[in-house]
Amino acid sequence: MATLNISFYFPYSWYQWRSVKIRNRYNDLLGIIKFGKETNLAVSNTEVKRLKFSTDFYACNLDLEQIEGEYALVYFDINNHLDLLKSNILQVKTFETARQRSRFRKSLYPKFVKTRLLQEDKNYGIIFFGLIISFIILGSGIMFVDDEIEHVKDLKMNFIIGLTSFISLGVLLQEADTTVVGYQEKISTIIIFFLISLFYIENLAFLLFMTSLIFVFTVESLVEFKKMKDS
């Protein structure tokens, strides 16, 4: 009994609330592929001769003899939006490794490249670094604020900025899929929040420390954005 690891990838985050159904030649439901998820399907040459993938009026078949590896990707073979009127644009391709599947996925939808989905492509190092900075900002007001009334606003602002940044990065970390544009917009917004927080830090030494952290985070993010543009 072999196992096929299947996921689907469409542009513009299409079908994020829908799924792709997998059936056998007798039209029995074998499994469902959900957005941003991978379905592990046990198949056998003696029990299942052909797999049928379908969503809405799109459908395609995969003969088990055509399977070349343990990983599969369901996708649309389209060049423009008019192709969506064709019922045969749904395709499935198998791969020997997850890396090969990921490389093929990146080559899809060249005209939709600005909204290419990210799965394992997110830079988790940058996100975790941002979470650390957010946590420090969150506590900076409490650590360096005096008891004077005029500093209460500083504490509130840094608390709000730190908490908002922390939650935003946490959501980005948990998201199974996001677009490149969405990813870059969220990171850019976080950088702006970080820069604003510097105006509410009274302690000079801590200000210099946070400035250096935010500078490194900004440079690393810009380098990552350039890599995404060149890929």
C-alpha atoms as a PDB file:
ATOM      1  CA  MET A   1       0.000   0.000   0.000  1.00  0.00           C
ATOM      2  CA  ALA A   2       1.542   3.304  -1.160  1.00  0.00           C
ATOM      3  CA  THR A   3       0.781   6.761   0.212  1.00  0.00           C
ATOM      4  CA  LEU A   4       0.317   9.819  -1.979  1.00  0.00           C
ATOM      5  CA  ASN A   5       0.772  13.254  -0.360  1.00  0.00           C
ATOM      6  CA  ILE A   6      -1.504  15.648  -2.253  1.00  0.00           C
ATOM      7  CA  SER A   7      -2.058  19.405  -2.073  1.00  0.00           C
ATOM      8  CA  PHE A   8      -3.619  21.957  -4.422  1.00  0.00           C
ATOM      9  CA  TYR A   9      -2.369  25.358  -5.520  1.00  0.00           C
ATOM     10  CA  PHE A  10      -4.418  28.005  -7.334  1.00  0.00           C
ATOM     11  CA  PRO A  11      -3.640  31.721  -7.871  1.00  0.00           C
ATOM     12  CA  TYR A  12      -5.231  34.604  -5.982  1.00  0.00           C
ATOM     13  CA  SER A  13      -5.935  32.380  -2.948  1.00  0.00           C
ATOM     14  CA  TRP A  14      -8.807  30.842  -4.904  1.00  0.00           C
ATOM     15  CA  TYR A  15     -10.768  28.116  -3.143  1.00  0.00           C
ATOM     16  CA  GLN A  16      -9.488  28.998   0.313  1.00  0.00           C
ATOM     17  CA  TRP A  17     -12.993  28.213   1.578  1.00  0.00           C
ATOM     18  CA  ARG A  18     -13.471  25.294  -0.802  1.00  0.00           C
ATOM     19  CA  SER A  19     -11.857  21.927  -1.408  1.00  0.00           C
ATOM     20  CA  VAL A  20     -10.848  19.447  -4.092  1.00  0.00           C
ATOM     21  CA  LYS A  21     -12.520  16.031  -3.909  1.00  0.00           C
ATOM     22  CA  ILE A  22     -10.773  12.757  -4.705  1.00  0.00           C
ATOM     23  CA  ARG A  23     -12.819   9.817  -5.982  1.00  0.00           C
ATOM     24  CA  ASN A  24     -12.130   6.402  -7.471  1.00  0.00           C
ATOM     25  CA  ARG A  25     -13.431   5.095 -10.802  1.00  0.00           C
ATOM     26  CA  TYR A  26     -16.651   4.014  -9.073  1.00  0.00           C
ATOM     27  CA  ASN A  27     -17.192   7.613  -7.918  1.00  0.00           C
ATOM     28  CA  ASP A  28     -16.615   6.712  -4.259  1.00  0.00           C
ATOM     29  CA  LEU A  29     -15.208   9.590  -2.205  1.00  0.00           C
ATOM     30  CA  LEU A  30     -11.657   8.764  -1.101  1.00  0.00           C
ATOM     31  CA  GLY A  31     -10.560  12.073   0.353  1.00  0.00           C
ATOM     32  CA  ILE A  32     -10.788  15.861   0.373  1.00  0.00           C
ATOM     33  CA  ILE A  33      -7.958  18.359  -0.131  1.00  0.00           C
ATOM     34  CA  LYS A  34      -8.478  21.571   1.827  1.00  0.00           C
ATOM     35  CA  PHE A  35      -6.849  24.935   1.236  1.00  0.00           C
ATOM     36  CA  GLY A  36      -3.339  25.099   2.673  1.00  0.00           C
ATOM     37  CA  LYS A  37      -3.466  21.471   3.776  1.00  0.00           C
ATOM     38  CA  GLU A  38      -1.892  18.268   2.548  1.00  0.00           C
ATOM     39  CA  THR A  39      -3.950  15.093   2.214  1.00  0.00           C
ATOM     40  CA  ASN A  40      -2.277  11.711   2.662  1.00  0.00           C
ATOM     41  CA  LEU A  41      -4.076   9.158   0.514  1.00  0.00           C
ATOM     42  CA  ALA A  42      -3.355   5.431   0.683  1.00  0.00           C
ATOM     43  CA  VAL A  43      -3.559   3.907  -2.787  1.00  0.00           C
ATOM     44  CA  SER A  44      -3.027   0.419  -4.148  1.00  0.00           C
ATOM     45  CA  ASN A  45      -2.723  -0.759  -7.738  1.00  0.00           C
ATOM     46  CA  THR A  46      -5.068  -3.651  -7.011  1.00  0.00           C
ATOM     47  CA  GLU A  47      -7.833  -1.621  -5.346  1.00  0.00           C
ATOM     48  CA  VAL A  48      -7.716   1.702  -7.152  1.00  0.00           C
ATOM     49  CA  LYS A  49      -6.855   1.959 -10.833  1.00  0.00           C
ATOM     50  CA  ARG A  50      -7.594   5.638 -11.325  1.00  0.00           C
ATOM     51  CA  LEU A  51      -8.059   8.724  -9.160  1.00  0.00           C
ATOM     52  CA  LYS A  52     -10.498  11.462 -10.120  1.00  0.00           C
ATOM     53  CA  PHE A  53      -9.952  15.014  -8.840  1.00  0.00           C
ATOM     54  CA  SER A  54     -12.784  17.528  -9.054  1.00  0.00           C
ATOM     55  CA  THR A  55     -13.939  20.907  -7.817  1.00  0.00           C
ATOM     56  CA  ASP A  56     -17.009  22.682  -9.217  1.00  0.00           C
ATOM     57  CA  PHE A  57     -17.217  21.669 -12.895  1.00  0.00           C
ATOM     58  CA  TYR A  58     -13.437  21.139 -13.212  1.00  0.00           C
ATOM     59  CA  ALA A  59     -12.130  17.575 -13.189  1.00  0.00           C
ATOM     60  CA  CYS A  60      -9.098  15.495 -14.141  1.00  0.00           C
ATOM     61  CA  ASN A  61      -7.919  11.901 -13.766  1.00  0.00           C
ATOM     62  CA  LEU A  62      -4.703  10.311 -12.603  1.00  0.00           C
ATOM     63  CA  ASP A  63      -3.946   6.702 -13.479  1.00  0.00           C
ATOM     64  CA  LEU A  64      -1.876   4.973 -10.821  1.00  0.00           C
ATOM     65  CA  GLU A  65       0.516   3.842 -13.521  1.00  0.00           C
ATOM     66  CA  GLN A  66       1.345   7.522 -14.123  1.00  0.00           C
ATOM     67  CA  ILE A  67       2.420   8.156 -10.538  1.00  0.00           C
ATOM     68  CA  GLU A  68       6.132   8.969 -10.433  1.00  0.00           C
ATOM     69  CA  GLY A  69       6.560   9.620  -6.710  1.00  0.00           C
ATOM     70  CA  GLU A  70       4.904  10.123  -3.335  1.00  0.00           C
ATOM     71  CA  TYR A  71       3.970  13.789  -3.799  1.00  0.00           C
ATOM     72  CA  ALA A  72       1.269  15.301  -5.982  1.00  0.00           C
ATOM     73  CA  LEU A  73       0.024  18.781  -6.814  1.00  0.00           C
ATOM     74  CA  VAL A  74      -3.389  19.708  -8.175  1.00  0.00           C
ATOM     75  CA  TYR A  75      -3.344  22.981 -10.123  1.00  0.00           C
ATOM     76  CA  PHE A  76      -4.972  25.001 -12.907  1.00  0.00           C
ATOM     77  CA  ASP A  77      -3.361  25.010 -16.359  1.00  0.00           C
ATOM     78  CA  ILE A  78      -4.265  28.609 -17.210  1.00  0.00           C
ATOM     79  CA  ASN A  79      -2.680  31.657 -18.795  1.00  0.00           C
ATOM     80  CA  ASN A  80      -5.476  34.181 -18.243  1.00  0.00           C
ATOM     81  CA  HIS A  81      -8.871  34.537 -16.608  1.00  0.00           C
ATOM     82  CA  LEU A  82     -10.717  33.474 -19.761  1.00  0.00           C
ATOM     83  CA  ASP A  83      -9.251  29.998 -19.376  1.00  0.00           C
ATOM     84  CA  LEU A  84     -11.474  29.574 -16.320  1.00  0.00           C
ATOM     85  CA  LEU A  85     -14.356  28.928 -18.705  1.00  0.00           C
ATOM     86  CA  LYS A  86     -12.701  25.684 -19.794  1.00  0.00           C
ATOM     87  CA  SER A  87     -13.580  22.538 -17.858  1.00  0.00           C
ATOM     88  CA  ASN A  88     -10.299  20.759 -18.563  1.00  0.00           C
ATOM     89  CA  ILE A  89      -7.892  23.205 -16.902  1.00  0.00           C
ATOM     90  CA  LEU A  90      -7.646  21.159 -13.697  1.00  0.00           C
ATOM     91  CA  GLN A  91      -4.439  19.115 -13.734  1.00  0.00           C
ATOM     92  CA  VAL A  92      -2.508  16.872 -11.365  1.00  0.00           C
ATOM     93  CA  LYS A  93       1.206  16.099 -11.429  1.00  0.00           C
ATOM     94  CA  THR A  94       3.288  13.764  -9.249  1.00  0.00           C
ATOM     95  CA  PHE A  95       6.827  14.220  -7.947  1.00  0.00           C
ATOM     96  CA  GLU A  96       9.462  12.130  -6.216  1.00  0.00           C
ATOM     97  CA  THR A  97      10.248  14.743  -3.547  1.00  0.00           C
ATOM     98  CA  ALA A  98       8.522  17.663  -1.840  1.00  0.00           C
ATOM     99  CA  ARG A  99      11.296  19.952  -3.090  1.00  0.00           C
ATOM    100  CA  GLN A 100      10.515  19.090  -6.706  1.00  0.00           C
ATOM    101  CA  ARG A 101       6.853  19.818  -6.095  1.00  0.00           C
ATOM    102  CA  SER A 102       7.693  23.158  -4.477  1.00  0.00           C
ATOM    103  CA  ARG A 103       9.967  24.117  -7.373  1.00  0.00           C
ATOM    104  CA  PHE A 104       7.230  23.283  -9.880  1.00  0.00           C
ATOM    105  CA  ARG A 105       4.655  25.221  -7.849  1.00  0.00           C
ATOM    106  CA  LYS A 106       6.823  28.352  -7.990  1.00  0.00           C
ATOM    107  CA  SER A 107       6.942  28.122 -11.776  1.00  0.00           C
ATOM    108  CA  LEU A 108       3.153  28.226 -12.110  1.00  0.00           C
ATOM    109  CA  TYR A 109       1.001  31.231 -12.982  1.00  0.00           C
ATOM    110  CA  PRO A 110       3.714  33.614 -14.253  1.00  0.00           C
ATOM    111  CA  LYS A 111       1.082  36.257 -14.971  1.00  0.00           C
ATOM    112  CA  PHE A 112      -0.154  35.968 -11.400  1.00  0.00           C
ATOM    113  CA  VAL A 113       3.314  36.139  -9.855  1.00  0.00           C
ATOM    114  CA  LYS A 114       2.488  39.091  -7.606  1.00  0.00           C
ATOM    115  CA  THR A 115      -0.027  36.930  -5.790  1.00  0.00           C
ATOM    116  CA  ARG A 116       1.972  33.726  -5.692  1.00  0.00           C
ATOM    117  CA  LEU A 117       1.143  31.754  -2.590  1.00  0.00           C
ATOM    118  CA  LEU A 118       3.698  31.028   0.067  1.00  0.00           C
ATOM    119  CA  GLN A 119       3.668  27.796   2.043  1.00  0.00           C
ATOM    120  CA  GLU A 120       7.059  26.646   3.231  1.00  0.00           C
ATOM    121  CA  ASP A 121       8.635  29.767   1.682  1.00  0.00           C
ATOM    122  CA  LYS A 122       8.081  32.114   4.614  1.00  0.00           C
ATOM    123  CA  ASN A 123      11.226  33.211   6.421  1.00  0.00           C
ATOM    124  CA  TYR A 124      10.487  32.006   9.935  1.00  0.00           C
ATOM    125  CA  GLY A 125      13.761  33.481  11.209  1.00  0.00           C
ATOM    126  CA  ILE A 126      12.562  36.993  10.381  1.00  0.00           C
ATOM    127  CA  ILE A 127       9.141  36.336  11.902  1.00  0.00           C
ATOM    128  CA  PHE A 128      10.590  34.999  15.170  1.00  0.00           C
ATOM    129  CA  PHE A 129      13.033  37.914  15.295  1.00  0.00           C
ATOM    130  CA  GLY A 130      10.090  40.285  14.892  1.00  0.00           C
ATOM    131  CA  LEU A 131       8.216  38.505  17.680  1.00  0.00           C
ATOM    132  CA  ILE A 132      11.184  39.046  20.002  1.00  0.00           C
ATOM    133  CA  ILE A 133      11.329  42.766  19.148  1.00  0.00           C
ATOM    134  CA  SER A 134       7.556  43.052  19.662  1.00  0.00           C
ATOM    135  CA  PHE A 135       7.846  41.413  23.071  1.00  0.00           C
ATOM    136  CA  ILE A 136      10.634  43.791  24.087  1.00  0.00           C
ATOM    137  CA  ILE A 137       8.612  46.815  22.953  1.00  0.00           C
ATOM    138  CA  LEU A 138       5.628  45.460  24.844  1.00  0.00           C
ATOM    139  CA  GLY A 139       7.561  45.576  28.098  1.00  0.00           C
ATOM    140  CA  SER A 140       9.729  48.601  27.349  1.00  0.00           C
ATOM    141  CA  GLY A 141       7.289  51.114  28.780  1.00  0.00           C
ATOM    142  CA  ILE A 142       7.021  49.227  32.058  1.00  0.00           C
ATOM    143  CA  MET A 143      10.796  48.785  32.301  1.00  0.00           C
ATOM    144  CA  PHE A 144      11.849  52.366  31.624  1.00  0.00           C
ATOM    145  CA  VAL A 145       8.906  54.563  32.532  1.00  0.00           C
ATOM    146  CA  ASP A 146       9.023  56.887  35.536  1.00  0.00           C
ATOM    147  CA  ASP A 147       6.182  57.424  37.944  1.00  0.00           C
ATOM    148  CA  GLU A 148       5.433  60.839  36.462  1.00  0.00           C
ATOM    149  CA  ILE A 149       2.032  61.290  34.815  1.00  0.00           C
ATOM    150  CA  GLU A 150       3.393  62.512  31.465  1.00  0.00           C
ATOM    151  CA  HIS A 151       4.996  59.101  30.839  1.00  0.00           C
ATOM    152  CA  VAL A 152       1.722  57.190  31.035  1.00  0.00           C
ATOM    153  CA  LYS A 153       1.032  57.932  27.350  1.00  0.00           C
ATOM    154  CA  ASP A 154       4.413  56.432  26.401  1.00  0.00           C
ATOM    155  CA  LEU A 155       3.614  53.260  28.293  1.00  0.00           C
ATOM    156  CA  LYS A 156       0.220  52.932  26.618  1.00  0.00           C
ATOM    157  CA  MET A 157       1.596  53.548  23.115  1.00  0.00           C
ATOM    158  CA  ASN A 158       4.446  51.069  23.421  1.00  0.00           C
ATOM    159  CA  PHE A 159       2.102  48.522  24.958  1.00  0.00           C
ATOM    160  CA  ILE A 160      -0.363  48.914  22.062  1.00  0.00           C
ATOM    161  CA  ILE A 161       2.374  48.866  19.404  1.00  0.00           C
ATOM    162  CA  GLY A 162       4.099  45.862  20.942  1.00  0.00           C
ATOM    163  CA  LEU A 163       0.874  43.918  21.407  1.00  0.00           C
ATOM    164  CA  THR A 164      -0.403  44.699  17.888  1.00  0.00           C
ATOM    165  CA  SER A 165       2.913  43.720  16.302  1.00  0.00           C
ATOM    166  CA  PHE A 166       3.136  40.540  18.344  1.00  0.00           C
ATOM    167  CA  ILE A 167      -0.386  39.443  17.376  1.00  0.00           C
ATOM    168  CA  SER A 168       0.130  40.326  13.690  1.00  0.00           C
ATOM    169  CA  LEU A 169       3.368  38.337  13.485  1.00  0.00           C
ATOM    170  CA  GLY A 170       1.766  35.457  15.381  1.00  0.00           C
ATOM    171  CA  VAL A 171      -1.063  35.305  12.852  1.00  0.00           C
ATOM    172  CA  LEU A 172       1.448  35.464   9.983  1.00  0.00           C
ATOM    173  CA  LEU A 173       3.376  32.615  11.586  1.00  0.00           C
ATOM    174  CA  GLN A 174       0.272  30.434  11.865  1.00  0.00           C
ATOM    175  CA  GLU A 175      -1.125  31.126   8.399  1.00  0.00           C
ATOM    176  CA  ALA A 176      -0.786  28.077   6.186  1.00  0.00           C
ATOM    177  CA  ASP A 177      -0.815  30.217   3.060  1.00  0.00           C
ATOM    178  CA  THR A 178      -0.519  33.865   2.253  1.00  0.00           C
ATOM    179  CA  THR A 179       0.287  35.860  -0.838  1.00  0.00           C
ATOM    180  CA  VAL A 180       3.677  37.411  -1.462  1.00  0.00           C
ATOM    181  CA  VAL A 181       2.066  40.857  -1.529  1.00  0.00           C
ATOM    182  CA  GLY A 182       0.214  40.146   1.714  1.00  0.00           C
ATOM    183  CA  TYR A 183       3.376  38.836   3.353  1.00  0.00           C
ATOM    184  CA  GLN A 184       5.394  41.898   2.345  1.00  0.00           C
ATOM    185  CA  GLU A 185       2.645  44.319   3.371  1.00  0.00           C
ATOM    186  CA  LYS A 186       2.383  42.786   6.844  1.00  0.00           C
ATOM    187  CA  ILE A 187       6.145  42.834   7.407  1.00  0.00           C
ATOM    188  CA  SER A 188       6.354  46.430   6.124  1.00  0.00           C
ATOM    189  CA  THR A 189       3.561  47.487   8.481  1.00  0.00           C
ATOM    190  CA  ILE A 190       5.387  45.858  11.383  1.00  0.00           C
ATOM    191  CA  ILE A 191       8.546  47.807  10.498  1.00  0.00           C
ATOM    192  CA  ILE A 192       6.557  51.066  10.581  1.00  0.00           C
ATOM    193  CA  PHE A 193       5.149  50.146  13.996  1.00  0.00           C
ATOM    194  CA  PHE A 194       8.665  49.400  15.261  1.00  0.00           C
ATOM    195  CA  LEU A 195       9.946  52.771  14.030  1.00  0.00           C
ATOM    196  CA  ILE A 196       7.049  54.612  15.679  1.00  0.00           C
ATOM    197  CA  SER A 197       7.803  52.893  18.987  1.00  0.00           C
ATOM    198  CA  LEU A 198      11.243  54.529  19.049  1.00  0.00           C
ATOM    199  CA  PHE A 199       9.606  57.934  19.630  1.00  0.00           C
ATOM    200  CA  TYR A 200       8.155  56.667  22.913  1.00  0.00           C
ATOM    201  CA  ILE A 201      11.394  55.383  24.448  1.00  0.00           C
ATOM    202  CA  GLU A 202      12.917  57.760  27.012  1.00  0.00           C
ATOM    203  CA  ASN A 203      16.042  55.824  27.982  1.00  0.00           C
ATOM    204  CA  LEU A 204      18.933  56.670  25.606  1.00  0.00           C
ATOM    205  CA  ALA A 205      20.795  53.375  25.983  1.00  0.00           C
ATOM    206  CA  PHE A 206      17.634  51.362  25.407  1.00  0.00           C
ATOM    207  CA  LEU A 207      16.758  53.596  22.450  1.00  0.00           C
ATOM    208  CA  LEU A 208      20.097  52.825  20.787  1.00  0.00           C
ATOM    209  CA  PHE A 209      19.655  49.122  21.501  1.00  0.00           C
ATOM    210  CA  MET A 210      16.173  49.013  19.974  1.00  0.00           C
ATOM    211  CA  THR A 211      17.291  51.106  17.002  1.00  0.00           C
ATOM    212  CA  SER A 212      19.994  48.541  16.202  1.00  0.00           C
ATOM    213  CA  LEU A 213      17.521  45.629  16.466  1.00  0.00           C
ATOM    214  CA  ILE A 214      14.955  47.335  14.251  1.00  0.00           C
ATOM    215  CA  PHE A 215      17.664  48.269  11.742  1.00  0.00           C
ATOM    216  CA  VAL A 216      18.766  44.621  11.462  1.00  0.00           C
ATOM    217  CA  PHE A 217      15.138  43.466  11.146  1.00  0.00           C
ATOM    218  CA  THR A 218      14.498  46.028   8.393  1.00  0.00           C
ATOM    219  CA  VAL A 219      17.601  45.091   6.400  1.00  0.00           C
ATOM    220  CA  GLU A 220      16.867  41.363   6.680  1.00  0.00           C
ATOM    221  CA  SER A 221      13.279  41.959   5.541  1.00  0.00           C
ATOM    222  CA  LEU A 222      14.360  44.018   2.521  1.00  0.00           C
ATOM    223  CA  VAL A 223      16.846  41.320   1.519  1.00  0.00           C
ATOM    224  CA  GLU A 224      14.061  38.743   1.788  1.00  0.00           C
ATOM    225  CA  PHE A 225      11.740  40.880  -0.353  1.00  0.00           C
ATOM    226  CA  LYS A 226      14.430  41.097  -3.047  1.00  0.00           C
ATOM    227  CA  LYS A 227      14.839  37.313  -3.019  1.00  0.00           C
ATOM    228  CA  MET A 228      11.096  36.909  -3.528  1.00  0.00           C
ATOM    229  CA  LYS A 229      11.158  39.342  -6.440  1.00  0.00           C
ATOM    230  CA  ASP A 230      14.075  37.558  -8.112  1.00  0.00           C
ATOM    231  CA  SER A 231      12.689  34.032  -7.590  1.00  0.00           C
END
